C-alpha atoms as a PDB file:
ATOM      1  CA  MET A   1       0.000   0.000   0.000  1.00  0.00           C
ATOM      2  CA  LYS A   2       3.004   2.301   0.292  1.00  0.00           C
ATOM      3  CA  TYR A   3       2.770   2.980  -3.464  1.00  0.00           C
ATOM      4  CA  LEU A   4      -0.872   4.059  -3.152  1.00  0.00           C
ATOM      5  CA  ASN A   5      -0.358   7.789  -2.858  1.00  0.00           C
ATOM      6  CA  GLN A   6      -1.518  10.901  -4.669  1.00  0.00           C
ATOM      7  CA  ARG A   7       1.768  11.473  -6.492  1.00  0.00           C
ATOM      8  CA  ASN A   8       1.835   7.970  -7.973  1.00  0.00           C
ATOM      9  CA  PHE A   9      -1.828   8.157  -8.950  1.00  0.00           C
ATOM     10  CA  SER A  10      -1.144  11.467 -10.687  1.00  0.00           C
ATOM     11  CA  ILE A  11       1.676   9.875 -12.691  1.00  0.00           C
ATOM     12  CA  LEU A  12      -0.570   6.925 -13.587  1.00  0.00           C
ATOM     13  CA  MET A  13      -3.389   9.269 -14.599  1.00  0.00           C
ATOM     14  CA  TRP A  14      -1.220  11.279 -17.008  1.00  0.00           C
ATOM     15  CA  PHE A  15       0.262   8.054 -18.394  1.00  0.00           C
ATOM     16  CA  LEU A  16      -3.186   6.570 -19.073  1.00  0.00           C
ATOM     17  CA  PHE A  17      -4.389   9.762 -20.755  1.00  0.00           C
ATOM     18  CA  ALA A  18      -1.260   9.677 -22.941  1.00  0.00           C
ATOM     19  CA  CYS A  19      -1.999   6.033 -23.795  1.00  0.00           C
ATOM     20  CA  GLY A  20      -5.558   7.014 -24.655  1.00  0.00           C
ATOM     21  CA  ILE A  21      -4.328   9.645 -27.105  1.00  0.00           C
ATOM     22  CA  PHE A  22      -1.883   7.161 -28.635  1.00  0.00           C
ATOM     23  CA  PHE A  23      -4.465   4.393 -29.128  1.00  0.00           C
ATOM     24  CA  HIS A  24      -7.067   6.818 -30.469  1.00  0.00           C
ATOM     25  CA  TRP A  25      -4.577   7.664 -33.219  1.00  0.00           C
ATOM     26  CA  PHE A  26      -4.921   4.248 -34.911  1.00  0.00           C
ATOM     27  CA  SER A  27      -8.203   3.375 -36.567  1.00  0.00           C
ATOM     28  CA  PHE A  28      -7.950  -0.311 -35.583  1.00  0.00           C
ATOM     29  CA  THR A  29      -7.504   0.406 -31.843  1.00  0.00           C
ATOM     30  CA  ARG A  30      -9.829   3.416 -31.633  1.00  0.00           C
ATOM     31  CA  PRO A  31     -13.102   1.416 -31.292  1.00  0.00           C
ATOM     32  CA  ILE A  32     -11.558  -0.577 -28.438  1.00  0.00           C
ATOM     33  CA  VAL A  33     -10.474   2.425 -26.367  1.00  0.00           C
ATOM     34  CA  ILE A  34     -13.776   4.186 -27.024  1.00  0.00           C
ATOM     35  CA  ARG A  35     -15.617   1.183 -25.575  1.00  0.00           C
ATOM     36  CA  LEU A  36     -13.380   1.411 -22.500  1.00  0.00           C
ATOM     37  CA  THR A  37     -14.464   5.003 -21.812  1.00  0.00           C
ATOM     38  CA  ASP A  38     -16.870   4.065 -18.993  1.00  0.00           C
ATOM     39  CA  ILE A  39     -14.292   1.914 -17.206  1.00  0.00           C
ATOM     40  CA  PHE A  40     -11.603   4.556 -17.606  1.00  0.00           C
ATOM     41  CA  LEU A  41     -13.823   7.359 -16.280  1.00  0.00           C
ATOM     42  CA  LEU A  42     -14.959   5.204 -13.371  1.00  0.00           C
ATOM     43  CA  LEU A  43     -11.379   4.349 -12.362  1.00  0.00           C
ATOM     44  CA  MET A  44     -10.117   7.918 -12.757  1.00  0.00           C
ATOM     45  CA  ASN A  45     -12.994   9.419 -10.801  1.00  0.00           C
ATOM     46  CA  ALA A  46     -12.732   6.767  -8.090  1.00  0.00           C
ATOM     47  CA  GLY A  47      -9.022   7.496  -7.690  1.00  0.00           C
ATOM     48  CA  VAL A  48      -9.466  11.266  -7.637  1.00  0.00           C
ATOM     49  CA  LEU A  49     -12.312  11.020  -5.114  1.00  0.00           C
ATOM     50  CA  PHE A  50     -10.381   8.598  -2.912  1.00  0.00           C
ATOM     51  CA  PHE A  51      -7.529  11.065  -2.482  1.00  0.00           C
ATOM     52  CA  LEU A  52      -9.946  13.991  -2.241  1.00  0.00           C
ATOM     53  CA  ILE A  53     -11.802  12.422   0.690  1.00  0.00           C
ATOM     54  CA  GLN A  54      -8.511  11.321   2.225  1.00  0.00           C
ATOM     55  CA  SER A  55      -7.170  14.878   2.133  1.00  0.00           C
ATOM     56  CA  SER A  56     -10.394  16.488   3.320  1.00  0.00           C
ATOM     57  CA  HIS A  57     -11.145  14.615   6.559  1.00  0.00           C
ATOM     58  CA  ASP A  58     -14.577  16.215   6.264  1.00  0.00           C
ATOM     59  CA  LYS A  59     -17.621  13.962   6.012  1.00  0.00           C
ATOM     60  CA  LYS A  60     -19.573  16.794   4.399  1.00  0.00           C
ATOM     61  CA  ILE A  61     -17.708  16.171   1.131  1.00  0.00           C
ATOM     62  CA  ALA A  62     -19.419  12.753   0.971  1.00  0.00           C
ATOM     63  CA  LEU A  63     -22.776  14.459   1.503  1.00  0.00           C
ATOM     64  CA  TRP A  64     -22.064  16.957  -1.273  1.00  0.00           C
ATOM     65  CA  LEU A  65     -21.000  14.177  -3.647  1.00  0.00           C
ATOM     66  CA  LEU A  66     -24.061  12.042  -2.894  1.00  0.00           C
ATOM     67  CA  VAL A  67     -26.462  14.929  -3.448  1.00  0.00           C
ATOM     68  CA  THR A  68     -24.665  16.272  -6.525  1.00  0.00           C
ATOM     69  CA  VAL A  69     -24.218  12.940  -8.305  1.00  0.00           C
ATOM     70  CA  SER A  70     -27.826  11.920  -7.583  1.00  0.00           C
ATOM     71  CA  LEU A  71     -29.400  15.188  -8.702  1.00  0.00           C
ATOM     72  CA  THR A  72     -27.112  15.521 -11.726  1.00  0.00           C
ATOM     73  CA  TYR A  73     -28.121  12.020 -12.809  1.00  0.00           C
ATOM     74  CA  LEU A  74     -31.793  12.901 -12.357  1.00  0.00           C
ATOM     75  CA  ALA A  75     -31.256  16.073 -14.401  1.00  0.00           C
ATOM     76  CA  GLU A  76     -29.701  13.957 -17.160  1.00  0.00           C
ATOM     77  CA  LEU A  77     -32.626  11.521 -16.995  1.00  0.00           C
ATOM     78  CA  ALA A  78     -35.159  14.311 -17.268  1.00  0.00           C
ATOM     79  CA  GLY A  79     -33.107  16.014 -19.950  1.00  0.00           C
ATOM     80  CA  ILE A  80     -32.678  13.031 -22.223  1.00  0.00           C
ATOM     81  CA  HIS A  81     -36.299  11.884 -21.973  1.00  0.00           C
ATOM     82  CA  THR A  82     -37.912  15.306 -22.373  1.00  0.00           C
ATOM     83  CA  GLY A  83     -35.383  17.466 -24.225  1.00  0.00           C
ATOM     84  CA  LYS A  84     -36.498  20.398 -22.082  1.00  0.00           C
ATOM     85  CA  ILE A  85     -33.345  20.909 -19.988  1.00  0.00           C
ATOM     86  CA  PHE A  86     -30.324  20.592 -22.279  1.00  0.00           C
ATOM     87  CA  GLY A  87     -31.996  20.120 -25.639  1.00  0.00           C
ATOM     88  CA  HIS A  88     -32.615  16.945 -27.634  1.00  0.00           C
ATOM     89  CA  TYR A  89     -29.789  14.391 -27.549  1.00  0.00           C
ATOM     90  CA  LEU A  90     -29.127  10.667 -27.156  1.00  0.00           C
ATOM     91  CA  TYR A  91     -26.156   8.770 -25.737  1.00  0.00           C
ATOM     92  CA  GLY A  92     -24.355   6.711 -28.355  1.00  0.00           C
ATOM     93  CA  ASN A  93     -22.344   3.506 -28.469  1.00  0.00           C
ATOM     94  CA  GLY A  94     -19.269   5.253 -27.053  1.00  0.00           C
ATOM     95  CA  MET A  95     -20.876   4.993 -23.605  1.00  0.00           C
ATOM     96  CA  GLN A  96     -21.738   1.494 -22.394  1.00  0.00           C
ATOM     97  CA  TRP A  97     -23.371   1.457 -18.953  1.00  0.00           C
ATOM     98  CA  LYS A  98     -26.634   3.296 -19.589  1.00  0.00           C
ATOM     99  CA  PRO A  99     -29.449   2.394 -17.191  1.00  0.00           C
ATOM    100  CA  ALA A 100     -32.521   4.315 -18.327  1.00  0.00           C
ATOM    101  CA  ALA A 101     -30.433   5.557 -21.299  1.00  0.00           C
ATOM    102  CA  VAL A 102     -28.064   7.685 -19.145  1.00  0.00           C
ATOM    103  CA  PRO A 103     -24.494   6.557 -18.291  1.00  0.00           C
ATOM    104  CA  ILE A 104     -23.852   6.488 -14.537  1.00  0.00           C
ATOM    105  CA  VAL A 105     -20.277   7.734 -14.926  1.00  0.00           C
ATOM    106  CA  ILE A 106     -21.459  10.954 -16.591  1.00  0.00           C
ATOM    107  CA  ALA A 107     -23.035  12.274 -13.379  1.00  0.00           C
ATOM    108  CA  LEU A 108     -20.007  11.183 -11.366  1.00  0.00           C
ATOM    109  CA  ASN A 109     -17.595  12.861 -13.766  1.00  0.00           C
ATOM    110  CA  TRP A 110     -19.582  16.100 -13.778  1.00  0.00           C
ATOM    111  CA  ALA A 111     -19.553  16.227  -9.975  1.00  0.00           C
ATOM    112  CA  VAL A 112     -15.775  15.838  -9.944  1.00  0.00           C
ATOM    113  CA  LEU A 113     -15.398  18.477 -12.661  1.00  0.00           C
ATOM    114  CA  ILE A 114     -17.523  20.941 -10.683  1.00  0.00           C
ATOM    115  CA  LEU A 115     -15.186  20.415  -7.725  1.00  0.00           C
ATOM    116  CA  ALA A 116     -12.187  20.872 -10.010  1.00  0.00           C
ATOM    117  CA  SER A 117     -13.538  24.063 -11.559  1.00  0.00           C
ATOM    118  CA  TRP A 118     -14.113  25.473  -8.078  1.00  0.00           C
ATOM    119  CA  SER A 119     -10.560  24.537  -7.079  1.00  0.00           C
ATOM    120  CA  TRP A 120      -9.178  26.343 -10.157  1.00  0.00           C
ATOM    121  CA  ALA A 121     -11.416  29.351  -9.493  1.00  0.00           C
ATOM    122  CA  ARG A 122     -10.102  29.661  -5.941  1.00  0.00           C
ATOM    123  CA  LEU A 123      -6.610  30.147  -7.354  1.00  0.00           C
ATOM    124  CA  ILE A 124      -7.928  33.205  -9.188  1.00  0.00           C
ATOM    125  CA  THR A 125     -10.052  34.854  -6.498  1.00  0.00           C
ATOM    126  CA  ARG A 126     -11.523  34.289  -3.042  1.00  0.00           C
ATOM    127  CA  LYS A 127     -14.445  36.689  -3.465  1.00  0.00           C
ATOM    128  CA  LEU A 128     -17.637  34.629  -3.371  1.00  0.00           C
ATOM    129  CA  LEU A 129     -19.414  35.996  -6.445  1.00  0.00           C
ATOM    130  CA  LEU A 130     -16.294  36.089  -8.616  1.00  0.00           C
ATOM    131  CA  GLU A 131     -15.296  32.641  -7.388  1.00  0.00           C
ATOM    132  CA  ILE A 132     -18.651  31.151  -8.387  1.00  0.00           C
ATOM    133  CA  LEU A 133     -18.691  32.964 -11.743  1.00  0.00           C
ATOM    134  CA  ALA A 134     -15.124  31.871 -12.539  1.00  0.00           C
ATOM    135  CA  ALA A 135     -15.965  28.251 -11.724  1.00  0.00           C
ATOM    136  CA  ILE A 136     -19.111  28.399 -13.883  1.00  0.00           C
ATOM    137  CA  PHE A 137     -17.094  29.890 -16.738  1.00  0.00           C
ATOM    138  CA  LEU A 138     -14.554  27.057 -16.475  1.00  0.00           C
ATOM    139  CA  ILE A 139     -17.159  24.284 -16.424  1.00  0.00           C
ATOM    140  CA  VAL A 140     -19.003  25.763 -19.422  1.00  0.00           C
ATOM    141  CA  ALA A 141     -15.717  26.269 -21.309  1.00  0.00           C
ATOM    142  CA  PHE A 142     -14.892  22.634 -20.539  1.00  0.00           C
ATOM    143  CA  ASP A 143     -18.240  21.544 -21.980  1.00  0.00           C
ATOM    144  CA  MET A 144     -17.718  23.647 -25.111  1.00  0.00           C
ATOM    145  CA  ILE A 145     -14.457  21.777 -25.735  1.00  0.00           C
ATOM    146  CA  LEU A 146     -16.028  18.405 -24.918  1.00  0.00           C
ATOM    147  CA  GLU A 147     -19.195  18.602 -27.030  1.00  0.00           C
ATOM    148  CA  PRO A 148     -17.648  18.390 -30.555  1.00  0.00           C
ATOM    149  CA  LEU A 149     -15.440  15.493 -29.454  1.00  0.00           C
ATOM    150  CA  ALA A 150     -18.361  13.699 -27.809  1.00  0.00           C
ATOM    151  CA  MET A 151     -20.207  13.635 -31.124  1.00  0.00           C
ATOM    152  CA  LYS A 152     -17.058  12.623 -32.997  1.00  0.00           C
ATOM    153  CA  MET A 153     -16.483   9.667 -30.640  1.00  0.00           C
ATOM    154  CA  ASP A 154     -20.232   8.842 -30.476  1.00  0.00           C
ATOM    155  CA  TYR A 155     -20.450   9.435 -26.734  1.00  0.00           C
ATOM    156  CA  TRP A 156     -23.692  11.243 -27.516  1.00  0.00           C
ATOM    157  CA  GLN A 157     -25.381  12.904 -30.481  1.00  0.00           C
ATOM    158  CA  TRP A 158     -27.405  16.108 -30.689  1.00  0.00           C
ATOM    159  CA  GLU A 159     -30.515  16.439 -32.788  1.00  0.00           C
ATOM    160  CA  ASN A 160     -29.566  17.602 -36.298  1.00  0.00           C
ATOM    161  CA  GLY A 161     -25.905  17.612 -35.193  1.00  0.00           C
ATOM    162  CA  ALA A 162     -26.276  21.080 -33.637  1.00  0.00           C
ATOM    163  CA  ILE A 163     -25.264  21.817 -30.032  1.00  0.00           C
ATOM    164  CA  PRO A 164     -27.921  24.145 -28.572  1.00  0.00           C
ATOM    165  CA  VAL A 165     -27.018  27.188 -26.486  1.00  0.00           C
ATOM    166  CA  GLN A 166     -29.634  25.844 -24.087  1.00  0.00           C
ATOM    167  CA  ASN A 167     -27.201  23.069 -23.132  1.00  0.00           C
ATOM    168  CA  TYR A 168     -24.524  25.506 -21.969  1.00  0.00           C
ATOM    169  CA  LEU A 169     -27.024  27.697 -20.129  1.00  0.00           C
ATOM    170  CA  ALA A 170     -28.433  24.649 -18.350  1.00  0.00           C
ATOM    171  CA  TRP A 171     -25.007  23.473 -17.231  1.00  0.00           C
ATOM    172  CA  ALA A 172     -24.101  26.976 -16.056  1.00  0.00           C
ATOM    173  CA  PHE A 173     -27.262  27.059 -13.939  1.00  0.00           C
ATOM    174  CA  ILE A 174     -26.817  23.517 -12.580  1.00  0.00           C
ATOM    175  CA  ALA A 175     -23.125  24.053 -11.800  1.00  0.00           C
ATOM    176  CA  GLY A 176     -23.970  27.326 -10.063  1.00  0.00           C
ATOM    177  CA  ILE A 177     -26.453  25.607  -7.742  1.00  0.00           C
ATOM    178  CA  PHE A 178     -24.004  22.902  -6.706  1.00  0.00           C
ATOM    179  CA  LEU A 179     -21.162  25.393  -6.325  1.00  0.00           C
ATOM    180  CA  LEU A 180     -23.298  27.459  -3.946  1.00  0.00           C
ATOM    181  CA  PHE A 181     -24.173  24.269  -2.061  1.00  0.00           C
ATOM    182  CA  LEU A 182     -20.474  23.385  -1.864  1.00  0.00           C
ATOM    183  CA  LYS A 183     -19.589  26.859  -0.624  1.00  0.00           C
ATOM    184  CA  SER A 184     -22.315  26.732   2.034  1.00  0.00           C
ATOM    185  CA  LEU A 185     -20.842  23.530   3.509  1.00  0.00           C
ATOM    186  CA  LYS A 186     -17.451  25.237   4.032  1.00  0.00           C
ATOM    187  CA  ILE A 187     -15.489  22.153   2.994  1.00  0.00           C
ATOM    188  CA  SER A 188     -11.706  22.333   2.740  1.00  0.00           C
ATOM    189  CA  PHE A 189      -9.665  19.882   0.672  1.00  0.00           C
ATOM    190  CA  ASP A 190      -6.510  19.567  -1.390  1.00  0.00           C
ATOM    191  CA  GLY A 191      -7.531  20.392  -4.968  1.00  0.00           C
ATOM    192  CA  LYS A 192      -4.213  19.707  -6.694  1.00  0.00           C
ATOM    193  CA  LEU A 193      -5.235  16.322  -8.116  1.00  0.00           C
ATOM    194  CA  LEU A 194      -8.655  17.666  -9.107  1.00  0.00           C
ATOM    195  CA  ARG A 195      -7.014  20.468 -11.082  1.00  0.00           C
ATOM    196  CA  GLN A 196      -4.691  18.008 -12.810  1.00  0.00           C
ATOM    197  CA  TYR A 197      -7.633  15.782 -13.760  1.00  0.00           C
ATOM    198  CA  PHE A 198      -9.504  18.775 -15.188  1.00  0.00           C
ATOM    199  CA  LEU A 199      -6.451  19.868 -17.188  1.00  0.00           C
ATOM    200  CA  ALA A 200      -5.662  16.327 -18.384  1.00  0.00           C
ATOM    201  CA  GLN A 201      -9.163  15.941 -19.813  1.00  0.00           C
ATOM    202  CA  ILE A 202      -8.986  19.272 -21.647  1.00  0.00           C
ATOM    203  CA  ILE A 203      -5.607  18.410 -23.194  1.00  0.00           C
ATOM    204  CA  PHE A 204      -6.925  14.962 -24.134  1.00  0.00           C
ATOM    205  CA  PHE A 205     -10.051  16.391 -25.783  1.00  0.00           C
ATOM    206  CA  LEU A 206      -8.180  19.062 -27.742  1.00  0.00           C
ATOM    207  CA  LEU A 207      -5.532  16.671 -29.054  1.00  0.00           C
ATOM    208  CA  ILE A 208      -8.104  14.056 -30.059  1.00  0.00           C
ATOM    209  CA  LEU A 209     -10.337  16.673 -31.661  1.00  0.00           C
ATOM    210  CA  PHE A 210      -7.712  18.441 -33.758  1.00  0.00           C
ATOM    211  CA  LEU A 211      -5.007  15.836 -34.394  1.00  0.00           C
ATOM    212  CA  ILE A 212      -6.974  12.667 -35.041  1.00  0.00           C
ATOM    213  CA  PRO A 213      -9.061  12.332 -38.224  1.00  0.00           C
END
């Protein structure tokens, strides 16, 4: 267990993202790594959350995660079956574990990304309003980078291939609610690994989107 530490997990995380970029490059390995997306996201999020909880020593972080993951999943359920929250979209074959047509890991990943965006925002400012706005900006910017890749990799598809502005507005609103909830709990934790995970995903998305046909 002596090798199970945050530094080693960080190294492993960057290595696996690099492997993902490499294997996406080849057309014959790309379908395989795309089908492993759920497993990869589950393992990465589990690792990040393990060290987050370990560094926090605050049981309220578990409460925030439970509430945020549950309500985010319900928002996705309502969104995909009604089209009234984010717009009309369907999850594709790039995501595998989809009870009720919504992948479980999506809600988990969004919760972690909201935490990460808040951690980045706190490096910029400690004023409440600016902190929340900066975190919302980061999470929406993240989604704007993700959306074209998601369609390219068939994670999900938007109706008529057009990403609605409604989607970004909805995520800004949802992220804002959970950021305010997080702030109200006054939880302290080490956000270094969260910030790395956020950055690693952005680099991964951009390289896949622009370098791989």
